[in-house]
Amino acid sequence: MLYWDTSALFAFLITEKHSTKVRDLVAEQGSSTAYTSMITPLEFESAIQRRLSERTLNPREADQARLFGVDFRKKAFLLPLDQNALDTALHLQKIYELRPGDAIQLASARLGTDSPSRVVFLCLDERLTEAAKREGFQV
């Protein structure tokens, strides 16, 4: 099973420094079940907008990325944000000193499985990756 943080999802689609690494890891996993947080589509769109503003992504590439995002949402299981997710995120944020979005991502990953050791947590943020590792995920 694969948990997708927004950073890995974006790198999977848009060529950047770690794209090859993410793509190779996904290819190794085959057709694993994908899951992510309900906030991932919003973070994904924010990344597209930032890249458009920086002019490191052109409008055609942005449209392609958006289509990929819609397709991903149809295939992946999106974990809802509820009181339990918020409580878990607050707890994880304190333990690992995570940014709010990262705490929500890790809480979603944690609530989405009974066995973190069987989940590959795809992420390019060092602090979030370390926290996921400490929670028992494969990173």
N, C-alpha and C. Protein backbone atom coordinates (compact mmCIF):
# COMPACT_ATOMS: atom_id res chain seq x y z
N MET A 1 0.84 -1.17 0.00
CA MET A 1 0.00 0.00 0.00
C MET A 1 0.89 1.24 0.00
N LEU A 2 0.46 2.27 -0.71
CA LEU A 2 1.22 3.52 -0.81
C LEU A 2 0.43 4.67 -0.21
N TYR A 3 1.07 5.42 0.67
CA TYR A 3 0.50 6.67 1.14
C TYR A 3 1.21 7.79 0.40
N TRP A 4 0.44 8.66 -0.25
CA TRP A 4 1.00 9.74 -1.06
C TRP A 4 0.91 11.07 -0.33
N ASP A 5 2.05 11.64 0.03
CA ASP A 5 2.10 13.03 0.45
C ASP A 5 2.11 13.86 -0.83
N THR A 6 1.64 15.08 -0.74
CA THR A 6 1.55 15.95 -1.92
C THR A 6 2.89 16.14 -2.60
N SER A 7 3.95 16.25 -1.84
CA SER A 7 5.28 16.47 -2.43
C SER A 7 5.67 15.33 -3.37
N ALA A 8 5.39 14.12 -2.99
CA ALA A 8 5.71 12.96 -3.83
C ALA A 8 4.79 12.89 -5.05
N LEU A 9 3.53 13.20 -4.83
CA LEU A 9 2.57 13.18 -5.95
C LEU A 9 2.98 14.19 -7.01
N PHE A 10 3.36 15.39 -6.58
CA PHE A 10 3.78 16.42 -7.52
C PHE A 10 5.06 16.01 -8.24
N ALA A 11 6.01 15.45 -7.51
CA ALA A 11 7.27 15.02 -8.13
C ALA A 11 7.06 13.86 -9.09
N PHE A 12 6.06 13.04 -8.81
CA PHE A 12 5.74 11.93 -9.71
C PHE A 12 5.30 12.45 -11.07
N LEU A 13 4.58 13.55 -11.06
CA LEU A 13 4.02 14.10 -12.29
C LEU A 13 4.93 15.12 -12.97
N ILE A 14 5.45 16.06 -12.21
CA ILE A 14 6.25 17.16 -12.75
C ILE A 14 7.72 16.86 -12.49
N THR A 15 8.52 16.86 -13.53
CA THR A 15 9.92 16.52 -13.40
C THR A 15 10.64 17.55 -12.54
N GLU A 16 11.20 17.07 -11.45
CA GLU A 16 12.02 17.88 -10.57
C GLU A 16 13.11 16.99 -9.99
N LYS A 17 13.84 17.49 -9.03
CA LYS A 17 15.04 16.83 -8.52
C LYS A 17 14.85 15.35 -8.17
N HIS A 18 13.79 14.99 -7.47
CA HIS A 18 13.62 13.62 -6.99
C HIS A 18 12.57 12.82 -7.77
N SER A 19 12.17 13.30 -8.92
CA SER A 19 11.11 12.63 -9.69
C SER A 19 11.47 11.20 -10.06
N THR A 20 12.68 10.98 -10.52
CA THR A 20 13.08 9.63 -10.92
C THR A 20 13.01 8.66 -9.76
N LYS A 21 13.47 9.11 -8.60
CA LYS A 21 13.43 8.27 -7.41
C LYS A 21 11.99 7.87 -7.06
N VAL A 22 11.07 8.84 -7.09
CA VAL A 22 9.67 8.57 -6.78
C VAL A 22 9.08 7.62 -7.83
N ARG A 23 9.32 7.89 -9.07
CA ARG A 23 8.77 7.05 -10.15
C ARG A 23 9.30 5.62 -10.07
N ASP A 24 10.58 5.46 -9.78
CA ASP A 24 11.15 4.12 -9.64
C ASP A 24 10.53 3.37 -8.48
N LEU A 25 10.36 4.05 -7.36
CA LEU A 25 9.75 3.41 -6.19
C LEU A 25 8.31 2.98 -6.47
N VAL A 26 7.57 3.83 -7.16
CA VAL A 26 6.18 3.49 -7.50
C VAL A 26 6.16 2.31 -8.46
N ALA A 27 7.07 2.28 -9.41
CA ALA A 27 7.14 1.16 -10.36
C ALA A 27 7.44 -0.15 -9.63
N GLU A 28 8.32 -0.10 -8.63
CA GLU A 28 8.63 -1.29 -7.83
C GLU A 28 7.41 -1.81 -7.09
N GLN A 29 6.54 -0.92 -6.66
CA GLN A 29 5.37 -1.30 -5.87
C GLN A 29 4.26 -1.88 -6.74
N GLY A 30 4.32 -1.65 -8.04
CA GLY A 30 3.27 -2.16 -8.92
C GLY A 30 1.96 -1.44 -8.70
N SER A 31 0.88 -2.18 -8.74
CA SER A 31 -0.45 -1.56 -8.64
C SER A 31 -0.95 -1.56 -7.20
N SER A 32 -0.16 -1.06 -6.31
CA SER A 32 -0.53 -0.98 -4.90
C SER A 32 -1.71 -0.04 -4.70
N THR A 33 -2.47 -0.31 -3.66
CA THR A 33 -3.54 0.58 -3.27
C THR A 33 -2.94 1.91 -2.85
N ALA A 34 -3.56 3.00 -3.31
CA ALA A 34 -3.07 4.34 -2.98
C ALA A 34 -4.06 5.02 -2.05
N TYR A 35 -3.53 5.69 -1.04
CA TYR A 35 -4.37 6.52 -0.20
C TYR A 35 -3.65 7.78 0.20
N THR A 36 -4.43 8.79 0.58
CA THR A 36 -3.87 10.08 0.92
C THR A 36 -4.88 10.87 1.73
N SER A 37 -4.48 12.02 2.19
CA SER A 37 -5.35 12.89 2.97
C SER A 37 -6.32 13.65 2.07
N MET A 38 -7.43 14.04 2.64
CA MET A 38 -8.41 14.86 1.95
C MET A 38 -7.82 16.21 1.54
N ILE A 39 -6.75 16.66 2.21
CA ILE A 39 -6.17 17.96 1.87
C ILE A 39 -5.21 17.89 0.67
N THR A 40 -4.84 16.69 0.25
CA THR A 40 -3.86 16.56 -0.83
C THR A 40 -4.30 17.25 -2.12
N PRO A 41 -5.55 17.10 -2.57
CA PRO A 41 -5.93 17.82 -3.79
C PRO A 41 -5.78 19.34 -3.67
N LEU A 42 -6.07 19.88 -2.50
CA LEU A 42 -5.90 21.32 -2.28
C LEU A 42 -4.42 21.70 -2.30
N GLU A 43 -3.59 20.93 -1.63
CA GLU A 43 -2.15 21.20 -1.65
C GLU A 43 -1.59 21.04 -3.06
N PHE A 44 -2.09 20.07 -3.81
CA PHE A 44 -1.64 19.83 -5.19
C PHE A 44 -1.96 21.05 -6.06
N GLU A 45 -3.18 21.56 -5.94
CA GLU A 45 -3.56 22.76 -6.71
C GLU A 45 -2.72 23.95 -6.29
N SER A 46 -2.45 24.08 -5.01
CA SER A 46 -1.61 25.17 -4.52
C SER A 46 -0.21 25.10 -5.14
N ALA A 47 0.33 23.89 -5.24
CA ALA A 47 1.66 23.71 -5.86
C ALA A 47 1.63 24.11 -7.34
N ILE A 48 0.55 23.76 -8.02
CA ILE A 48 0.41 24.16 -9.43
C ILE A 48 0.38 25.69 -9.53
N GLN A 49 -0.44 26.33 -8.69
CA GLN A 49 -0.53 27.79 -8.72
C GLN A 49 0.81 28.46 -8.42
N ARG A 50 1.54 27.91 -7.44
CA ARG A 50 2.85 28.48 -7.10
C ARG A 50 3.80 28.36 -8.29
N ARG A 51 3.80 27.20 -8.93
CA ARG A 51 4.69 27.00 -10.08
C ARG A 51 4.30 27.91 -11.25
N LEU A 52 3.00 28.13 -11.44
CA LEU A 52 2.56 29.05 -12.50
C LEU A 52 3.05 30.47 -12.19
N SER A 53 2.92 30.89 -10.95
CA SER A 53 3.38 32.23 -10.55
C SER A 53 4.88 32.39 -10.73
N GLU A 54 5.63 31.32 -10.42
CA GLU A 54 7.08 31.34 -10.57
C GLU A 54 7.51 31.19 -12.03
N ARG A 55 6.56 30.85 -12.88
CA ARG A 55 6.80 30.58 -14.31
C ARG A 55 7.70 29.37 -14.53
N THR A 56 7.65 28.42 -13.60
CA THR A 56 8.39 27.16 -13.78
C THR A 56 7.46 26.07 -14.32
N LEU A 57 6.21 26.46 -14.54
CA LEU A 57 5.20 25.57 -15.12
C LEU A 57 4.38 26.43 -16.06
N ASN A 58 4.15 25.94 -17.28
CA ASN A 58 3.35 26.73 -18.21
C ASN A 58 1.87 26.30 -18.12
N PRO A 59 0.96 27.08 -18.67
CA PRO A 59 -0.47 26.76 -18.55
C PRO A 59 -0.84 25.38 -19.09
N ARG A 60 -0.21 24.95 -20.16
CA ARG A 60 -0.49 23.62 -20.71
C ARG A 60 -0.09 22.52 -19.72
N GLU A 61 1.09 22.67 -19.12
CA GLU A 61 1.55 21.71 -18.12
C GLU A 61 0.65 21.73 -16.89
N ALA A 62 0.19 22.92 -16.52
CA ALA A 62 -0.72 23.04 -15.37
C ALA A 62 -2.03 22.30 -15.65
N ASP A 63 -2.55 22.45 -16.85
CA ASP A 63 -3.79 21.75 -17.21
C ASP A 63 -3.59 20.23 -17.19
N GLN A 64 -2.46 19.77 -17.69
CA GLN A 64 -2.16 18.33 -17.65
C GLN A 64 -2.04 17.84 -16.22
N ALA A 65 -1.40 18.63 -15.37
CA ALA A 65 -1.26 18.26 -13.96
C ALA A 65 -2.63 18.17 -13.30
N ARG A 66 -3.50 19.11 -13.61
CA ARG A 66 -4.85 19.09 -13.03
C ARG A 66 -5.62 17.85 -13.47
N LEU A 67 -5.49 17.48 -14.74
CA LEU A 67 -6.15 16.26 -15.22
C LEU A 67 -5.62 15.03 -14.49
N PHE A 68 -4.31 14.99 -14.28
CA PHE A 68 -3.72 13.90 -13.51
C PHE A 68 -4.28 13.88 -12.10
N GLY A 69 -4.40 15.06 -11.50
CA GLY A 69 -4.94 15.17 -10.14
C GLY A 69 -6.36 14.64 -10.05
N VAL A 70 -7.19 14.95 -11.03
CA VAL A 70 -8.57 14.44 -11.06
C VAL A 70 -8.56 12.92 -11.19
N ASP A 71 -7.71 12.40 -12.06
CA ASP A 71 -7.61 10.95 -12.23
C ASP A 71 -7.12 10.28 -10.95
N PHE A 72 -6.14 10.88 -10.30
CA PHE A 72 -5.62 10.33 -9.04
C PHE A 72 -6.72 10.27 -7.99
N ARG A 73 -7.52 11.34 -7.88
CA ARG A 73 -8.61 11.37 -6.89
C ARG A 73 -9.63 10.27 -7.15
N LYS A 74 -9.82 9.90 -8.40
CA LYS A 74 -10.77 8.83 -8.72
C LYS A 74 -10.24 7.46 -8.30
N LYS A 75 -8.92 7.30 -8.31
CA LYS A 75 -8.31 6.00 -8.04
C LYS A 75 -7.87 5.82 -6.59
N ALA A 76 -7.49 6.90 -5.95
CA ALA A 76 -6.95 6.81 -4.58
C ALA A 76 -8.07 6.94 -3.57
N PHE A 77 -7.83 6.37 -2.40
CA PHE A 77 -8.75 6.52 -1.29
C PHE A 77 -8.37 7.78 -0.54
N LEU A 78 -9.30 8.74 -0.46
CA LEU A 78 -9.06 9.99 0.26
C LEU A 78 -9.59 9.85 1.67
N LEU A 79 -8.71 10.02 2.64
CA LEU A 79 -9.11 9.90 4.04
C LEU A 79 -9.77 11.19 4.51
N PRO A 80 -10.95 11.07 5.10
CA PRO A 80 -11.69 12.27 5.51
C PRO A 80 -11.04 12.97 6.70
N LEU A 81 -11.32 14.24 6.79
CA LEU A 81 -10.87 15.03 7.94
C LEU A 81 -12.04 15.11 8.91
N ASP A 82 -11.84 14.56 10.09
CA ASP A 82 -12.88 14.57 11.10
C ASP A 82 -12.22 14.88 12.45
N GLN A 83 -12.99 14.79 13.51
CA GLN A 83 -12.46 15.10 14.85
C GLN A 83 -11.29 14.19 15.21
N ASN A 84 -11.39 12.92 14.86
CA ASN A 84 -10.32 11.98 15.16
C ASN A 84 -9.03 12.36 14.42
N ALA A 85 -9.17 12.75 13.15
CA ALA A 85 -8.00 13.17 12.37
C ALA A 85 -7.38 14.43 12.97
N LEU A 86 -8.23 15.36 13.39
CA LEU A 86 -7.72 16.59 14.00
C LEU A 86 -6.99 16.29 15.30
N ASP A 87 -7.58 15.46 16.15
CA ASP A 87 -6.93 15.11 17.42
C ASP A 87 -5.60 14.42 17.19
N THR A 88 -5.57 13.51 16.22
CA THR A 88 -4.33 12.80 15.90
C THR A 88 -3.29 13.76 15.36
N ALA A 89 -3.70 14.67 14.48
CA ALA A 89 -2.78 15.64 13.91
C ALA A 89 -2.21 16.56 14.99
N LEU A 90 -3.05 16.98 15.92
CA LEU A 90 -2.57 17.83 17.02
C LEU A 90 -1.53 17.10 17.86
N HIS A 91 -1.78 15.83 18.13
CA HIS A 91 -0.84 15.02 18.90
C HIS A 91 0.49 14.85 18.14
N LEU A 92 0.40 14.49 16.87
CA LEU A 92 1.62 14.27 16.07
C LEU A 92 2.40 15.58 15.87
N GLN A 93 1.68 16.69 15.75
CA GLN A 93 2.34 17.97 15.58
C GLN A 93 3.20 18.30 16.80
N LYS A 94 2.68 18.01 17.97
CA LYS A 94 3.44 18.27 19.20
C LYS A 94 4.68 17.38 19.29
N ILE A 95 4.50 16.10 18.98
CA ILE A 95 5.60 15.14 19.10
C ILE A 95 6.73 15.46 18.13
N TYR A 96 6.37 15.72 16.87
CA TYR A 96 7.39 15.85 15.82
C TYR A 96 7.62 17.29 15.34
N GLU A 97 6.91 18.25 15.94
CA GLU A 97 7.05 19.66 15.56
C GLU A 97 6.85 19.85 14.05
N LEU A 98 5.73 19.33 13.57
CA LEU A 98 5.40 19.40 12.14
C LEU A 98 4.59 20.65 11.81
N ARG A 99 4.67 21.07 10.57
CA ARG A 99 3.78 22.13 10.08
C ARG A 99 2.36 21.55 10.06
N PRO A 100 1.33 22.38 10.12
CA PRO A 100 -0.05 21.89 10.18
C PRO A 100 -0.42 20.91 9.06
N GLY A 101 -0.10 21.25 7.82
CA GLY A 101 -0.43 20.36 6.71
C GLY A 101 0.28 19.02 6.82
N ASP A 102 1.52 19.05 7.26
CA ASP A 102 2.27 17.80 7.42
C ASP A 102 1.71 16.95 8.54
N ALA A 103 1.27 17.61 9.62
CA ALA A 103 0.65 16.87 10.72
C ALA A 103 -0.63 16.19 10.25
N ILE A 104 -1.40 16.89 9.42
CA ILE A 104 -2.63 16.29 8.87
C ILE A 104 -2.27 15.12 7.95
N GLN A 105 -1.25 15.27 7.14
CA GLN A 105 -0.84 14.17 6.25
C GLN A 105 -0.45 12.95 7.07
N LEU A 106 0.37 13.12 8.09
CA LEU A 106 0.82 11.99 8.89
C LEU A 106 -0.35 11.38 9.67
N ALA A 107 -1.22 12.22 10.19
CA ALA A 107 -2.40 11.70 10.90
C ALA A 107 -3.27 10.88 9.96
N SER A 108 -3.46 11.35 8.73
CA SER A 108 -4.25 10.61 7.76
C SER A 108 -3.62 9.26 7.45
N ALA A 109 -2.31 9.27 7.24
CA ALA A 109 -1.61 8.01 6.96
C ALA A 109 -1.77 7.05 8.12
N ARG A 110 -1.64 7.58 9.33
CA ARG A 110 -1.73 6.74 10.54
C ARG A 110 -3.12 6.17 10.71
N LEU A 111 -4.15 6.98 10.47
CA LEU A 111 -5.53 6.53 10.63
C LEU A 111 -5.99 5.61 9.50
N GLY A 112 -5.26 5.63 8.40
CA GLY A 112 -5.64 4.83 7.25
C GLY A 112 -5.15 3.39 7.29
N THR A 113 -4.41 3.02 8.34
CA THR A 113 -3.89 1.65 8.41
C THR A 113 -3.73 1.21 9.86
N ASP A 114 -3.88 -0.08 10.06
CA ASP A 114 -3.59 -0.67 11.36
C ASP A 114 -2.14 -1.11 11.44
N SER A 115 -1.48 -1.15 10.27
CA SER A 115 -0.13 -1.67 10.20
C SER A 115 0.78 -0.76 9.37
N PRO A 116 1.31 0.31 9.97
CA PRO A 116 2.17 1.22 9.21
C PRO A 116 3.36 0.55 8.54
N SER A 117 3.86 -0.53 9.12
CA SER A 117 5.03 -1.20 8.56
C SER A 117 4.74 -1.81 7.18
N ARG A 118 3.48 -1.92 6.83
CA ARG A 118 3.11 -2.48 5.53
C ARG A 118 2.79 -1.39 4.50
N VAL A 119 3.02 -0.14 4.89
CA VAL A 119 2.70 1.00 4.02
C VAL A 119 3.98 1.74 3.65
N VAL A 120 4.14 2.05 2.37
CA VAL A 120 5.23 2.90 1.92
C VAL A 120 4.71 4.33 1.93
N PHE A 121 5.36 5.17 2.72
CA PHE A 121 4.98 6.58 2.87
C PHE A 121 5.83 7.37 1.88
N LEU A 122 5.21 7.86 0.81
CA LEU A 122 5.92 8.61 -0.22
C LEU A 122 5.91 10.09 0.12
N CYS A 123 7.08 10.64 0.36
CA CYS A 123 7.19 12.03 0.79
C CYS A 123 8.59 12.54 0.50
N LEU A 124 8.69 13.82 0.17
CA LEU A 124 10.00 14.41 -0.09
C LEU A 124 10.42 15.42 0.97
N ASP A 125 9.60 15.63 1.98
CA ASP A 125 9.93 16.54 3.07
C ASP A 125 10.69 15.76 4.14
N GLU A 126 11.87 16.23 4.50
CA GLU A 126 12.73 15.48 5.43
C GLU A 126 12.11 15.31 6.81
N ARG A 127 11.56 16.37 7.37
CA ARG A 127 10.99 16.28 8.71
C ARG A 127 9.78 15.34 8.74
N LEU A 128 8.92 15.45 7.74
CA LEU A 128 7.75 14.58 7.67
C LEU A 128 8.17 13.13 7.42
N THR A 129 9.17 12.93 6.58
CA THR A 129 9.67 11.58 6.32
C THR A 129 10.21 10.95 7.60
N GLU A 130 10.97 11.71 8.36
CA GLU A 130 11.52 11.20 9.62
C GLU A 130 10.40 10.86 10.60
N ALA A 131 9.40 11.71 10.67
CA ALA A 131 8.26 11.44 11.57
C ALA A 131 7.52 10.18 11.12
N ALA A 132 7.34 10.01 9.82
CA ALA A 132 6.66 8.81 9.30
C ALA A 132 7.47 7.56 9.63
N LYS A 133 8.78 7.66 9.50
CA LYS A 133 9.65 6.54 9.84
C LYS A 133 9.49 6.18 11.32
N ARG A 134 9.47 7.19 12.18
CA ARG A 134 9.33 6.95 13.62
C ARG A 134 7.95 6.39 13.98
N GLU A 135 6.96 6.63 13.12
CA GLU A 135 5.62 6.06 13.32
C GLU A 135 5.53 4.64 12.77
N GLY A 136 6.61 4.15 12.15
CA GLY A 136 6.65 2.76 11.70
C GLY A 136 6.41 2.55 10.23
N PHE A 137 6.26 3.62 9.45
CA PHE A 137 6.05 3.48 8.02
C PHE A 137 7.37 3.17 7.30
N GLN A 138 7.26 2.53 6.15
CA GLN A 138 8.40 2.39 5.26
C GLN A 138 8.51 3.73 4.54
N VAL A 139 9.72 4.26 4.46
CA VAL A 139 9.89 5.56 3.78
C VAL A 139 10.98 5.47 2.74
